[in-house]
Amino acid sequence: MKKLLRRALKKVPLWQRGLVLLATPVVLLNLAVGFFGSSLVSPLSPFFLREKAQALVAYFKHRPLCLLTGHEDLERIADAAERRHGLPKGLMRAVVQVESGGRPHRISAAGAMGPAQLMPGTAKLLGVTDAYDTSAAVDAGARYLAAQLKRTGRVELAVASYNAGPGAVRGAVPKNGETEFYVAKVMRAYGRGQP
């Protein structure tokens, strides 16, 4: 068997063997994000590698603790965060539902993590040490969303800023192939939650 493998490897050009060696860590990282983060991630995706690695490290730091303590009810946490930060009732709940499907351990293909899908840099900026801690993450997400609502003055633009970043939203929802669909989903979920 070993001889067969050696013969087969000798027929593969050196540059192709090098390419396989370079691609292996990327494939393993993407597969880990897909498995542990319940996401669809292309195994060969070269994008957001640092963020995905940071999200996985944070996940493995968090997971043993939550196996012991569990997670609080996300809807209740979102409702409390809305009241605390002056958001319209049901808005943060809608954002959490669209962002993570209510899953505290979600990791996106871009490396956003937790129920509020905070990017590692955003979590750090908001003072969140564990983006999988439902209370801390949802509160930080609500604080960030409230700041965007205050800045833009419109719910749709605040939601767009939450997704695309404040710099990408200049008076209208950006048409970038993602944000306009994200805003529509959040607004539908928000509308369903209204009395």
Protein backbone atom coordinates (compact mmCIF):
# COMPACT_ATOMS: atom_id res chain seq x y z
CA MET A 1 0.00 0.00 0.00
CA LYS A 2 2.83 2.40 0.90
CA LYS A 3 4.62 1.68 -2.37
CA LEU A 4 1.45 2.39 -4.32
CA LEU A 5 1.00 5.71 -2.52
CA ARG A 6 4.63 6.71 -3.14
CA ARG A 7 4.32 5.91 -6.84
CA ALA A 8 1.12 7.90 -7.09
CA LEU A 9 2.71 10.88 -5.30
CA LYS A 10 5.72 10.84 -7.65
CA LYS A 11 3.32 11.38 -10.56
CA VAL A 12 1.80 14.51 -8.93
CA PRO A 13 3.78 17.66 -9.80
CA LEU A 14 5.52 19.40 -6.89
CA TRP A 15 3.47 22.60 -7.27
CA GLN A 16 0.23 20.60 -6.87
CA ARG A 17 1.54 18.91 -3.72
CA GLY A 18 2.42 22.35 -2.36
CA LEU A 19 -1.04 23.64 -3.19
CA VAL A 20 -2.63 20.77 -1.26
CA LEU A 21 -0.39 21.50 1.73
CA LEU A 22 -1.38 25.17 1.67
CA ALA A 23 -5.09 24.44 1.25
CA THR A 24 -5.34 21.86 4.02
CA PRO A 25 -5.44 24.33 6.98
CA VAL A 26 -8.02 26.48 5.16
CA VAL A 27 -10.22 23.48 4.48
CA LEU A 28 -9.95 22.26 8.09
CA LEU A 29 -10.77 25.72 9.46
CA ASN A 30 -13.81 26.10 7.23
CA LEU A 31 -15.05 22.59 8.03
CA ALA A 32 -14.69 23.31 11.77
CA VAL A 33 -16.67 26.55 11.44
CA GLY A 34 -19.37 24.71 9.51
CA PHE A 35 -19.55 21.88 12.03
CA PHE A 36 -19.26 23.73 15.35
CA GLY A 37 -20.95 26.92 14.18
CA SER A 38 -23.87 25.29 12.37
CA SER A 39 -23.09 27.19 9.17
CA LEU A 40 -22.78 26.58 5.48
CA VAL A 41 -19.18 27.44 4.63
CA SER A 42 -17.34 26.56 1.46
CA PRO A 43 -14.37 24.38 2.49
CA LEU A 44 -12.10 26.28 0.10
CA SER A 45 -13.20 29.79 1.14
CA PRO A 46 -10.11 31.98 1.62
CA PHE A 47 -12.14 34.81 3.16
CA PHE A 48 -12.27 35.95 6.81
CA LEU A 49 -9.78 33.30 7.94
CA ARG A 50 -8.55 35.33 10.93
CA GLU A 51 -12.11 36.08 12.08
CA LYS A 52 -13.17 32.45 11.72
CA ALA A 53 -10.13 31.31 13.71
CA GLN A 54 -10.88 33.88 16.44
CA ALA A 55 -14.52 32.75 16.55
CA LEU A 56 -13.49 29.11 16.96
CA VAL A 57 -11.01 29.93 19.74
CA ALA A 58 -13.72 31.89 21.56
CA TYR A 59 -16.15 28.99 21.02
CA PHE A 60 -13.79 26.46 22.57
CA LYS A 61 -13.16 28.76 25.54
CA HIS A 62 -16.91 29.24 26.08
CA ARG A 63 -18.29 25.76 25.44
CA PRO A 64 -17.18 23.97 28.65
CA LEU A 65 -18.79 26.68 30.79
CA CYS A 66 -22.14 26.60 29.02
CA LEU A 67 -22.28 22.82 29.18
CA LEU A 68 -22.45 23.29 32.94
CA THR A 69 -24.68 26.37 33.16
CA GLY A 70 -26.70 26.39 29.93
CA HIS A 71 -28.12 29.56 28.37
CA GLU A 72 -30.91 31.87 29.42
CA ASP A 73 -34.00 32.39 27.27
CA LEU A 74 -32.97 34.55 24.29
CA GLU A 75 -36.36 36.17 23.81
CA ARG A 76 -36.44 37.37 27.41
CA ILE A 77 -32.87 38.65 27.14
CA ALA A 78 -33.67 40.46 23.87
CA ASP A 79 -36.80 42.06 25.37
CA ALA A 80 -34.82 43.32 28.37
CA ALA A 81 -32.04 44.66 26.14
CA GLU A 82 -34.60 46.51 23.97
CA ARG A 83 -36.06 48.23 27.03
CA ARG A 84 -32.62 49.04 28.45
CA HIS A 85 -31.38 50.66 25.23
CA GLY A 86 -34.62 52.26 24.06
CA LEU A 87 -35.18 50.09 21.00
CA PRO A 88 -38.63 49.51 19.51
CA LYS A 89 -40.27 46.42 21.02
CA GLY A 90 -39.42 43.29 19.06
CA LEU A 91 -36.56 44.76 17.00
CA MET A 92 -33.65 43.10 18.79
CA ARG A 93 -35.58 39.85 18.98
CA ALA A 94 -36.02 40.01 15.18
CA VAL A 95 -32.32 40.75 14.67
CA VAL A 96 -31.28 37.80 16.85
CA GLN A 97 -33.71 35.52 15.02
CA VAL A 98 -32.41 36.51 11.59
CA GLU A 99 -28.75 36.64 12.63
CA SER A 100 -28.43 33.32 14.42
CA GLY A 101 -31.82 31.63 14.32
CA GLY A 102 -31.74 31.93 18.09
CA ARG A 103 -28.67 29.66 18.33
CA PRO A 104 -26.15 30.89 20.92
CA HIS A 105 -23.23 29.04 19.31
CA ARG A 106 -23.70 30.14 15.70
CA ILE A 107 -20.58 31.09 13.72
CA SER A 108 -21.11 32.67 10.31
CA ALA A 109 -19.03 32.13 7.18
CA ALA A 110 -17.48 35.54 7.92
CA GLY A 111 -16.57 34.68 11.52
CA ALA A 112 -19.44 36.53 13.23
CA MET A 113 -20.34 34.69 16.41
CA GLY A 114 -23.00 34.10 19.00
CA PRO A 115 -26.69 34.95 19.08
CA ALA A 116 -26.12 38.57 17.99
CA GLN A 117 -23.51 37.55 15.39
CA LEU A 118 -20.81 39.97 16.53
CA MET A 119 -17.62 40.07 14.51
CA PRO A 120 -14.55 39.59 16.73
CA GLY A 121 -13.49 43.22 16.25
CA THR A 122 -16.98 44.55 16.98
CA ALA A 123 -17.25 42.38 20.10
CA LYS A 124 -13.94 43.76 21.33
CA LEU A 125 -15.01 47.33 20.53
CA LEU A 126 -18.24 46.80 22.51
CA GLY A 127 -16.36 45.30 25.47
CA VAL A 128 -17.73 41.78 25.03
CA THR A 129 -15.25 39.17 26.20
CA ASP A 130 -17.49 36.19 25.33
CA ALA A 131 -19.72 36.68 22.28
CA TYR A 132 -21.41 33.34 23.02
CA ASP A 133 -22.59 34.59 26.44
CA THR A 134 -26.21 35.30 25.50
CA SER A 135 -26.75 38.16 27.96
CA ALA A 136 -23.53 40.02 27.13
CA ALA A 137 -23.81 39.48 23.37
CA VAL A 138 -27.46 40.47 23.01
CA ASP A 139 -27.00 43.49 25.26
CA ALA A 140 -24.00 44.63 23.20
CA GLY A 141 -25.90 44.01 19.96
CA ALA A 142 -28.83 46.08 21.26
CA ARG A 143 -26.48 48.85 22.34
CA TYR A 144 -24.88 48.87 18.89
CA LEU A 145 -28.27 48.77 17.14
CA ALA A 146 -29.54 51.64 19.33
CA ALA A 147 -26.49 53.71 18.38
CA GLN A 148 -27.18 53.04 14.69
CA LEU A 149 -30.86 53.98 15.15
CA LYS A 150 -29.86 57.23 16.81
CA ARG A 151 -27.35 57.93 14.02
CA THR A 152 -29.66 57.14 11.09
CA GLY A 153 -33.09 57.96 12.54
CA ARG A 154 -34.76 55.06 10.69
CA VAL A 155 -35.19 51.44 11.72
CA GLU A 156 -34.36 50.09 8.23
CA LEU A 157 -31.12 52.07 8.07
CA ALA A 158 -30.14 51.03 11.61
CA VAL A 159 -30.68 47.38 10.67
CA ALA A 160 -28.67 47.90 7.46
CA SER A 161 -25.85 49.44 9.52
CA TYR A 162 -25.93 46.45 11.87
CA ASN A 163 -25.33 44.18 8.89
CA ALA A 164 -23.07 46.17 6.58
CA GLY A 165 -21.39 48.53 9.04
CA PRO A 166 -22.14 52.20 9.59
CA GLY A 167 -19.74 53.35 6.87
CA ALA A 168 -21.67 51.47 4.19
CA VAL A 169 -25.02 53.11 4.97
CA ARG A 170 -25.36 56.64 3.63
CA GLY A 171 -29.04 57.53 3.64
CA ALA A 172 -30.23 54.33 1.94
CA VAL A 173 -30.00 50.57 2.37
CA PRO A 174 -26.97 49.45 0.35
CA LYS A 175 -27.64 47.18 -2.60
CA ASN A 176 -24.69 44.84 -2.19
CA GLY A 177 -26.42 41.50 -2.75
CA GLU A 178 -26.74 40.81 0.98
CA THR A 179 -27.81 43.79 3.07
CA GLU A 180 -31.03 44.54 1.21
CA PHE A 181 -32.19 40.93 1.73
CA TYR A 182 -31.07 40.96 5.35
CA VAL A 183 -33.02 44.15 6.07
CA ALA A 184 -36.14 42.69 4.42
CA LYS A 185 -35.89 39.53 6.58
CA VAL A 186 -35.43 41.50 9.79
CA MET A 187 -38.30 43.85 8.95
CA ARG A 188 -40.61 40.86 8.24
CA ALA A 189 -39.63 39.23 11.54
CA TYR A 190 -40.03 42.57 13.31
CA GLY A 191 -43.47 43.07 11.73
CA ARG A 192 -44.60 39.61 12.87
CA GLY A 193 -43.61 40.47 16.44
CA GLN A 194 -45.70 43.64 16.56
CA PRO A 195 -49.04 43.59 18.44
